[in-house]
């Protein structure tokens, strides 16, 4: 099997091919689930924090940290990370979407609606129609 490691990452993709040359079906590549066993929550968070040290303005990394806190029901902590991610990538409507969900979990509905509305503006600015429709639905669900 070829080694398809990604620089800076311990995870790798494995490709196994076993078919005859007469088989005309398209080749499907995929992840071997045994290569990368699930990581405990704290390990994921620690890895993300370490990655953030190397790239402090990485919006995706900031978002990942926020999501880890939200999954752990640490919504107050998640909000600060969502705000940092939004500052790093102001045109990503989904960052606002998830911030709104954390605000909703904290029963801070007016702020959740504001976050959804800010996300709509960001999604329009970023040209993301799919995010716009999801944020519209969220705003309606929140009562805005």
N, C-alpha and C. Protein backbone atom coordinates (compact mmCIF):
# COMPACT_ATOMS: atom_id res chain seq x y z
N UNK A 1 0.83 -1.18 0.00
CA UNK A 1 0.00 0.00 0.00
C UNK A 1 0.88 1.24 0.00
N UNK A 2 0.56 2.22 -0.84
CA UNK A 2 1.36 3.43 -0.83
C UNK A 2 1.10 4.24 0.44
N UNK A 3 2.13 4.92 0.89
CA UNK A 3 2.01 5.79 2.06
C UNK A 3 1.59 7.17 1.58
N UNK A 4 0.45 7.66 2.06
CA UNK A 4 -0.07 8.95 1.61
C UNK A 4 -0.18 9.90 2.79
N UNK A 5 0.90 10.02 3.54
CA UNK A 5 0.89 10.91 4.72
C UNK A 5 0.79 12.35 4.29
N UNK A 6 0.18 13.14 5.15
CA UNK A 6 0.08 14.58 4.95
C UNK A 6 1.10 15.23 5.86
N UNK A 7 1.91 16.14 5.30
CA UNK A 7 2.91 16.82 6.12
C UNK A 7 2.28 17.45 7.34
N UNK A 8 2.92 17.27 8.49
CA UNK A 8 2.45 17.87 9.73
C UNK A 8 1.30 17.12 10.37
N UNK A 9 0.96 15.97 9.86
CA UNK A 9 -0.18 15.23 10.38
C UNK A 9 0.22 13.76 10.51
N UNK A 10 -0.11 13.12 11.62
CA UNK A 10 0.22 11.72 11.82
C UNK A 10 -0.76 10.78 11.11
N UNK A 11 -1.88 11.32 10.66
CA UNK A 11 -2.88 10.49 10.00
C UNK A 11 -2.47 10.31 8.55
N UNK A 12 -2.89 9.19 7.96
CA UNK A 12 -2.59 8.97 6.56
C UNK A 12 -3.70 8.18 5.91
N UNK A 13 -3.75 8.30 4.60
CA UNK A 13 -4.74 7.56 3.83
C UNK A 13 -4.12 6.27 3.34
N UNK A 14 -4.91 5.24 3.30
CA UNK A 14 -4.46 3.97 2.76
C UNK A 14 -5.30 3.63 1.55
N UNK A 15 -4.66 3.07 0.55
CA UNK A 15 -5.36 2.68 -0.65
C UNK A 15 -5.05 1.22 -0.92
N UNK A 16 -6.08 0.42 -1.05
CA UNK A 16 -5.89 -0.98 -1.39
C UNK A 16 -6.61 -1.25 -2.70
N UNK A 17 -5.92 -1.84 -3.64
CA UNK A 17 -6.51 -2.13 -4.94
C UNK A 17 -6.43 -3.63 -5.15
N UNK A 18 -7.57 -4.26 -5.36
CA UNK A 18 -7.56 -5.71 -5.62
C UNK A 18 -8.71 -6.02 -6.55
N UNK A 19 -8.43 -5.92 -7.84
CA UNK A 19 -9.42 -6.31 -8.82
C UNK A 19 -8.69 -6.70 -10.10
N UNK A 20 -9.38 -7.41 -10.94
CA UNK A 20 -8.75 -7.85 -12.18
C UNK A 20 -8.75 -6.73 -13.19
N UNK A 21 -7.88 -6.85 -14.19
CA UNK A 21 -7.80 -5.81 -15.22
C UNK A 21 -9.05 -5.78 -16.08
N UNK A 22 -9.88 -6.83 -16.04
CA UNK A 22 -11.12 -6.87 -16.80
C UNK A 22 -12.27 -6.17 -16.09
N UNK A 23 -12.09 -5.83 -14.83
CA UNK A 23 -13.13 -5.16 -14.05
C UNK A 23 -13.10 -3.68 -14.42
N UNK A 24 -14.16 -3.18 -15.05
CA UNK A 24 -14.19 -1.81 -15.56
C UNK A 24 -14.85 -0.82 -14.60
N UNK A 25 -15.22 -1.30 -13.41
CA UNK A 25 -15.83 -0.37 -12.44
C UNK A 25 -14.80 0.67 -12.05
N UNK A 26 -15.26 1.91 -11.76
CA UNK A 26 -14.30 2.95 -11.35
C UNK A 26 -13.64 2.59 -10.02
N UNK A 27 -12.39 2.96 -9.89
CA UNK A 27 -11.64 2.74 -8.67
C UNK A 27 -12.12 3.73 -7.62
N UNK A 28 -12.41 3.25 -6.44
CA UNK A 28 -12.85 4.10 -5.34
C UNK A 28 -11.77 4.09 -4.27
N UNK A 29 -11.29 5.26 -3.93
CA UNK A 29 -10.29 5.40 -2.89
C UNK A 29 -10.99 5.79 -1.61
N UNK A 30 -10.44 5.40 -0.49
CA UNK A 30 -11.08 5.77 0.76
C UNK A 30 -10.15 5.65 1.93
N UNK A 31 -10.67 6.01 3.09
CA UNK A 31 -9.92 5.92 4.33
C UNK A 31 -10.05 4.51 4.90
N UNK A 32 -8.97 4.02 5.40
CA UNK A 32 -9.00 2.76 6.13
C UNK A 32 -9.27 3.11 7.58
N UNK A 33 -10.45 2.78 8.13
CA UNK A 33 -10.78 3.20 9.49
C UNK A 33 -9.83 2.66 10.54
N UNK A 34 -9.08 1.62 10.23
CA UNK A 34 -8.14 1.10 11.22
C UNK A 34 -6.88 1.94 11.30
N UNK A 35 -6.63 2.78 10.29
CA UNK A 35 -5.44 3.63 10.31
C UNK A 35 -5.52 4.71 11.39
N UNK A 36 -6.69 5.23 11.63
CA UNK A 36 -6.86 6.37 12.52
C UNK A 36 -7.98 6.11 13.52
N UNK A 37 -7.66 5.40 14.61
CA UNK A 37 -8.71 5.16 15.60
C UNK A 37 -9.20 6.47 16.19
N UNK A 38 -10.44 6.52 16.64
CA UNK A 38 -10.97 7.75 17.21
C UNK A 38 -10.09 8.27 18.33
N UNK A 39 -9.92 9.57 18.34
CA UNK A 39 -9.08 10.22 19.34
C UNK A 39 -9.96 10.68 20.51
N UNK A 40 -9.52 10.51 21.73
CA UNK A 40 -10.31 11.04 22.86
C UNK A 40 -10.47 12.55 22.73
N UNK A 41 -11.58 13.05 23.26
CA UNK A 41 -11.89 14.47 23.16
C UNK A 41 -10.73 15.35 23.59
N UNK A 42 -10.11 15.05 24.73
CA UNK A 42 -9.04 15.89 25.25
C UNK A 42 -7.83 15.89 24.33
N UNK A 43 -7.57 14.75 23.67
CA UNK A 43 -6.45 14.68 22.72
C UNK A 43 -6.70 15.58 21.53
N UNK A 44 -7.94 15.59 21.03
CA UNK A 44 -8.28 16.45 19.89
C UNK A 44 -8.06 17.91 20.27
N UNK A 45 -8.58 18.29 21.42
CA UNK A 45 -8.44 19.67 21.86
C UNK A 45 -6.97 20.03 22.04
N UNK A 46 -6.21 19.15 22.66
CA UNK A 46 -4.78 19.42 22.84
C UNK A 46 -4.05 19.55 21.51
N UNK A 47 -4.39 18.71 20.56
CA UNK A 47 -3.77 18.80 19.23
C UNK A 47 -4.14 20.11 18.54
N UNK A 48 -5.39 20.49 18.64
CA UNK A 48 -5.81 21.75 18.03
C UNK A 48 -5.09 22.94 18.67
N UNK A 49 -4.97 22.91 19.98
CA UNK A 49 -4.26 24.00 20.67
C UNK A 49 -2.79 24.05 20.24
N UNK A 50 -2.19 22.90 20.07
CA UNK A 50 -0.80 22.86 19.61
C UNK A 50 -0.68 23.39 18.18
N UNK A 51 -1.62 23.02 17.32
CA UNK A 51 -1.64 23.53 15.95
C UNK A 51 -1.81 25.04 15.94
N UNK A 52 -2.63 25.53 16.85
CA UNK A 52 -2.89 26.97 16.93
C UNK A 52 -1.63 27.74 17.28
N UNK A 53 -0.76 27.14 18.07
CA UNK A 53 0.51 27.79 18.39
C UNK A 53 1.30 28.09 17.12
N UNK A 54 1.26 27.18 16.17
CA UNK A 54 2.00 27.34 14.92
C UNK A 54 1.33 28.36 14.00
N UNK A 55 -0.01 28.42 14.02
CA UNK A 55 -0.75 29.34 13.16
C UNK A 55 -1.87 29.99 13.97
N UNK A 56 -1.54 31.04 14.73
CA UNK A 56 -2.52 31.65 15.64
C UNK A 56 -3.77 32.23 14.97
N UNK A 57 -3.70 32.55 13.70
CA UNK A 57 -4.86 33.13 13.02
C UNK A 57 -5.62 32.16 12.16
N UNK A 58 -5.41 30.86 12.33
CA UNK A 58 -6.06 29.85 11.51
C UNK A 58 -7.52 29.71 11.93
N UNK A 59 -8.43 30.23 11.11
CA UNK A 59 -9.85 30.24 11.45
C UNK A 59 -10.39 28.82 11.63
N UNK A 60 -9.94 27.88 10.80
CA UNK A 60 -10.46 26.52 10.91
C UNK A 60 -10.03 25.88 12.22
N UNK A 61 -8.81 26.15 12.64
CA UNK A 61 -8.32 25.62 13.91
C UNK A 61 -9.09 26.25 15.07
N UNK A 62 -9.29 27.55 15.01
CA UNK A 62 -10.06 28.26 16.05
C UNK A 62 -11.48 27.69 16.13
N UNK A 63 -12.07 27.45 14.96
CA UNK A 63 -13.41 26.86 14.90
C UNK A 63 -13.41 25.46 15.52
N UNK A 64 -12.39 24.68 15.23
CA UNK A 64 -12.29 23.33 15.79
C UNK A 64 -12.23 23.35 17.31
N UNK A 65 -11.48 24.30 17.85
CA UNK A 65 -11.38 24.44 19.31
C UNK A 65 -12.75 24.82 19.88
N UNK A 66 -13.43 25.75 19.21
CA UNK A 66 -14.77 26.15 19.66
C UNK A 66 -15.71 24.95 19.66
N UNK A 67 -15.64 24.15 18.60
CA UNK A 67 -16.51 22.98 18.49
C UNK A 67 -16.24 21.96 19.60
N UNK A 68 -14.97 21.77 19.93
CA UNK A 68 -14.64 20.84 21.01
C UNK A 68 -15.25 21.32 22.32
N UNK A 69 -15.18 22.61 22.58
CA UNK A 69 -15.79 23.15 23.81
C UNK A 69 -17.32 22.99 23.76
N UNK A 70 -17.90 23.27 22.60
CA UNK A 70 -19.36 23.16 22.48
C UNK A 70 -19.80 21.71 22.68
N UNK A 71 -19.07 20.75 22.11
CA UNK A 71 -19.42 19.34 22.29
C UNK A 71 -19.34 18.93 23.75
N UNK A 72 -18.46 19.57 24.50
CA UNK A 72 -18.31 19.27 25.93
C UNK A 72 -19.29 20.09 26.77
N UNK A 73 -20.24 20.76 26.10
CA UNK A 73 -21.22 21.61 26.79
C UNK A 73 -20.57 22.79 27.51
N UNK A 74 -19.40 23.21 27.06
CA UNK A 74 -18.69 24.38 27.61
C UNK A 74 -18.94 25.56 26.67
N UNK A 75 -20.20 25.99 26.61
CA UNK A 75 -20.60 26.98 25.62
C UNK A 75 -20.01 28.37 25.88
N UNK A 76 -19.84 28.74 27.15
CA UNK A 76 -19.21 30.04 27.42
C UNK A 76 -17.80 30.08 26.84
N UNK A 77 -17.04 29.02 27.03
CA UNK A 77 -15.69 28.95 26.46
C UNK A 77 -15.75 28.92 24.93
N UNK A 78 -16.70 28.18 24.39
CA UNK A 78 -16.84 28.07 22.93
C UNK A 78 -17.07 29.44 22.30
N UNK A 79 -17.86 30.27 22.95
CA UNK A 79 -18.19 31.58 22.38
C UNK A 79 -16.95 32.43 22.12
N UNK A 80 -16.01 32.42 23.04
CA UNK A 80 -14.78 33.18 22.84
C UNK A 80 -13.99 32.67 21.64
N UNK A 81 -13.96 31.35 21.46
CA UNK A 81 -13.25 30.77 20.32
C UNK A 81 -13.98 31.05 19.02
N UNK A 82 -15.32 31.00 19.04
CA UNK A 82 -16.07 31.36 17.83
C UNK A 82 -15.78 32.81 17.44
N UNK A 83 -15.74 33.70 18.44
CA UNK A 83 -15.45 35.11 18.14
C UNK A 83 -14.08 35.28 17.51
N UNK A 84 -13.10 34.54 18.01
CA UNK A 84 -11.76 34.61 17.41
C UNK A 84 -11.77 34.06 15.99
N UNK A 85 -12.50 32.99 15.76
CA UNK A 85 -12.60 32.42 14.41
C UNK A 85 -13.28 33.40 13.46
N UNK A 86 -14.33 34.05 13.93
CA UNK A 86 -15.04 35.04 13.11
C UNK A 86 -14.13 36.21 12.77
N UNK A 87 -13.32 36.65 13.72
CA UNK A 87 -12.37 37.73 13.45
C UNK A 87 -11.35 37.31 12.39
N UNK A 88 -10.98 36.04 12.40
CA UNK A 88 -10.00 35.53 11.43
C UNK A 88 -10.61 35.31 10.05
N UNK A 89 -11.90 34.99 9.98
CA UNK A 89 -12.58 34.74 8.70
C UNK A 89 -13.99 35.33 8.75
N UNK A 90 -14.09 36.64 8.59
CA UNK A 90 -15.39 37.32 8.78
C UNK A 90 -16.46 36.97 7.75
N UNK A 91 -16.09 36.33 6.64
CA UNK A 91 -17.08 36.00 5.61
C UNK A 91 -17.63 34.58 5.71
N UNK A 92 -17.30 33.87 6.78
CA UNK A 92 -17.78 32.50 6.96
C UNK A 92 -19.05 32.51 7.81
N UNK A 93 -20.18 32.33 7.15
CA UNK A 93 -21.46 32.35 7.85
C UNK A 93 -21.65 31.22 8.84
N UNK A 94 -21.00 30.07 8.58
CA UNK A 94 -21.17 28.93 9.47
C UNK A 94 -20.56 29.16 10.85
N UNK A 95 -19.55 30.00 10.93
CA UNK A 95 -18.99 30.32 12.25
C UNK A 95 -20.06 30.99 13.11
N UNK A 96 -20.81 31.89 12.50
CA UNK A 96 -21.90 32.56 13.20
C UNK A 96 -23.02 31.58 13.55
N UNK A 97 -23.28 30.65 12.63
CA UNK A 97 -24.31 29.64 12.86
C UNK A 97 -24.02 28.86 14.14
N UNK A 98 -22.79 28.39 14.26
CA UNK A 98 -22.44 27.59 15.44
C UNK A 98 -22.36 28.46 16.70
N UNK A 99 -21.95 29.69 16.54
CA UNK A 99 -21.98 30.61 17.69
C UNK A 99 -23.43 30.77 18.15
N UNK A 100 -24.34 30.92 17.21
CA UNK A 100 -25.76 31.07 17.56
C UNK A 100 -26.27 29.83 18.30
N UNK A 101 -25.82 28.66 17.89
CA UNK A 101 -26.25 27.43 18.57
C UNK A 101 -25.74 27.38 20.02
N UNK A 102 -24.51 27.85 20.24
CA UNK A 102 -24.00 27.89 21.62
C UNK A 102 -24.78 28.91 22.45
N UNK A 103 -25.09 30.04 21.84
CA UNK A 103 -25.90 31.05 22.56
C UNK A 103 -27.28 30.48 22.88
N UNK A 104 -27.84 29.74 21.94
CA UNK A 104 -29.14 29.10 22.18
C UNK A 104 -29.04 28.11 23.35
N UNK A 105 -27.97 27.34 23.40
CA UNK A 105 -27.78 26.37 24.48
C UNK A 105 -27.68 27.05 25.83
N UNK A 106 -27.20 28.30 25.83
CA UNK A 106 -27.10 29.08 27.07
C UNK A 106 -28.38 29.88 27.35
N UNK A 107 -29.40 29.65 26.50
CA UNK A 107 -30.68 30.35 26.62
C UNK A 107 -30.52 31.87 26.49
N UNK A 108 -29.63 32.28 25.61
CA UNK A 108 -29.41 33.70 25.33
C UNK A 108 -29.97 33.99 23.94
N UNK A 109 -31.30 33.87 23.84
CA UNK A 109 -31.98 33.90 22.55
C UNK A 109 -31.80 35.20 21.77
N UNK A 110 -31.94 36.37 22.37
CA UNK A 110 -31.73 37.58 21.56
C UNK A 110 -30.34 37.63 20.93
N UNK A 111 -29.32 37.20 21.68
CA UNK A 111 -27.96 37.18 21.14
C UNK A 111 -27.81 36.10 20.08
N UNK A 112 -28.51 34.99 20.24
CA UNK A 112 -28.46 33.93 19.24
C UNK A 112 -29.05 34.41 17.92
N UNK A 113 -30.16 35.13 18.01
CA UNK A 113 -30.77 35.69 16.80
C UNK A 113 -29.83 36.70 16.14
N UNK A 114 -29.19 37.54 16.95
CA UNK A 114 -28.21 38.50 16.41
C UNK A 114 -27.06 37.78 15.71
N UNK A 115 -26.59 36.69 16.29
CA UNK A 115 -25.50 35.92 15.68
C UNK A 115 -25.95 35.33 14.35
N UNK A 116 -27.18 34.82 14.29
CA UNK A 116 -27.70 34.27 13.03
C UNK A 116 -27.81 35.38 11.98
N UNK A 117 -28.27 36.55 12.38
CA UNK A 117 -28.38 37.66 11.44
C UNK A 117 -27.00 38.13 10.96
N UNK A 118 -26.03 38.16 11.86
CA UNK A 118 -24.66 38.51 11.47
C UNK A 118 -24.11 37.45 10.51
N UNK A 119 -24.47 36.21 10.73
CA UNK A 119 -24.05 35.14 9.84
C UNK A 119 -24.64 35.28 8.45
N UNK A 120 -25.90 35.74 8.39
CA UNK A 120 -26.52 35.98 7.08
C UNK A 120 -25.74 37.04 6.31
N UNK A 121 -25.37 38.11 6.98
CA UNK A 121 -24.59 39.17 6.35
C UNK A 121 -23.24 38.61 5.87
N UNK A 122 -22.59 37.83 6.72
CA UNK A 122 -21.29 37.24 6.37
C UNK A 122 -21.43 36.29 5.19
N UNK A 123 -22.46 35.45 5.20
CA UNK A 123 -22.66 34.49 4.12
C UNK A 123 -22.94 35.21 2.80
N UNK A 124 -23.72 36.28 2.84
CA UNK A 124 -23.96 37.06 1.62
C UNK A 124 -22.66 37.66 1.11
N UNK A 125 -21.91 38.22 2.04
CA UNK A 125 -20.63 38.83 1.67
C UNK A 125 -19.69 37.79 1.06
N UNK A 126 -19.71 36.58 1.62
CA UNK A 126 -18.85 35.50 1.14
C UNK A 126 -19.43 34.74 -0.05
N UNK A 127 -20.67 35.07 -0.44
CA UNK A 127 -21.30 34.41 -1.59
C UNK A 127 -21.68 32.97 -1.34
N UNK A 128 -22.01 32.63 -0.10
CA UNK A 128 -22.36 31.25 0.25
C UNK A 128 -23.87 31.11 0.41
N UNK A 129 -24.53 30.76 -0.68
CA UNK A 129 -25.99 30.62 -0.68
C UNK A 129 -26.47 29.52 0.23
N UNK A 130 -25.73 28.43 0.34
CA UNK A 130 -26.15 27.32 1.21
C UNK A 130 -26.15 27.76 2.66
N UNK A 131 -25.09 28.46 3.07
CA UNK A 131 -25.04 28.97 4.44
C UNK A 131 -26.17 29.96 4.69
N UNK A 132 -26.46 30.78 3.69
CA UNK A 132 -27.56 31.74 3.84
C UNK A 132 -28.87 31.03 4.14
N UNK A 133 -29.15 29.97 3.39
CA UNK A 133 -30.43 29.27 3.62
C UNK A 133 -30.46 28.61 4.99
N UNK A 134 -29.35 28.04 5.42
CA UNK A 134 -29.32 27.43 6.75
C UNK A 134 -29.45 28.48 7.85
N UNK A 135 -28.84 29.62 7.66
CA UNK A 135 -28.93 30.69 8.66
C UNK A 135 -30.34 31.29 8.69
N UNK A 136 -30.98 31.39 7.54
CA UNK A 136 -32.39 31.86 7.51
C UNK A 136 -33.26 30.89 8.32
N UNK A 137 -33.08 29.61 8.09
CA UNK A 137 -33.87 28.59 8.81
C UNK A 137 -33.59 28.67 10.31
N UNK A 138 -32.33 28.86 10.67
CA UNK A 138 -31.98 28.97 12.08
C UNK A 138 -32.62 30.21 12.70
N UNK A 139 -32.56 31.31 12.00
CA UNK A 139 -33.16 32.55 12.52
C UNK A 139 -34.66 32.35 12.77
N UNK A 140 -35.33 31.70 11.83
CA UNK A 140 -36.77 31.43 12.00
C UNK A 140 -37.00 30.49 13.19
N UNK A 141 -36.16 29.47 13.31
CA UNK A 141 -36.28 28.50 14.41
C UNK A 141 -36.09 29.20 15.76
N UNK A 142 -35.19 30.18 15.80
CA UNK A 142 -34.92 30.90 17.04
C UNK A 142 -35.99 31.96 17.35
N UNK A 143 -36.86 32.20 16.38
CA UNK A 143 -37.94 33.18 16.59
C UNK A 143 -37.59 34.56 16.11
N UNK A 144 -36.60 34.69 15.26
CA UNK A 144 -36.19 36.02 14.75
C UNK A 144 -36.81 36.39 13.46
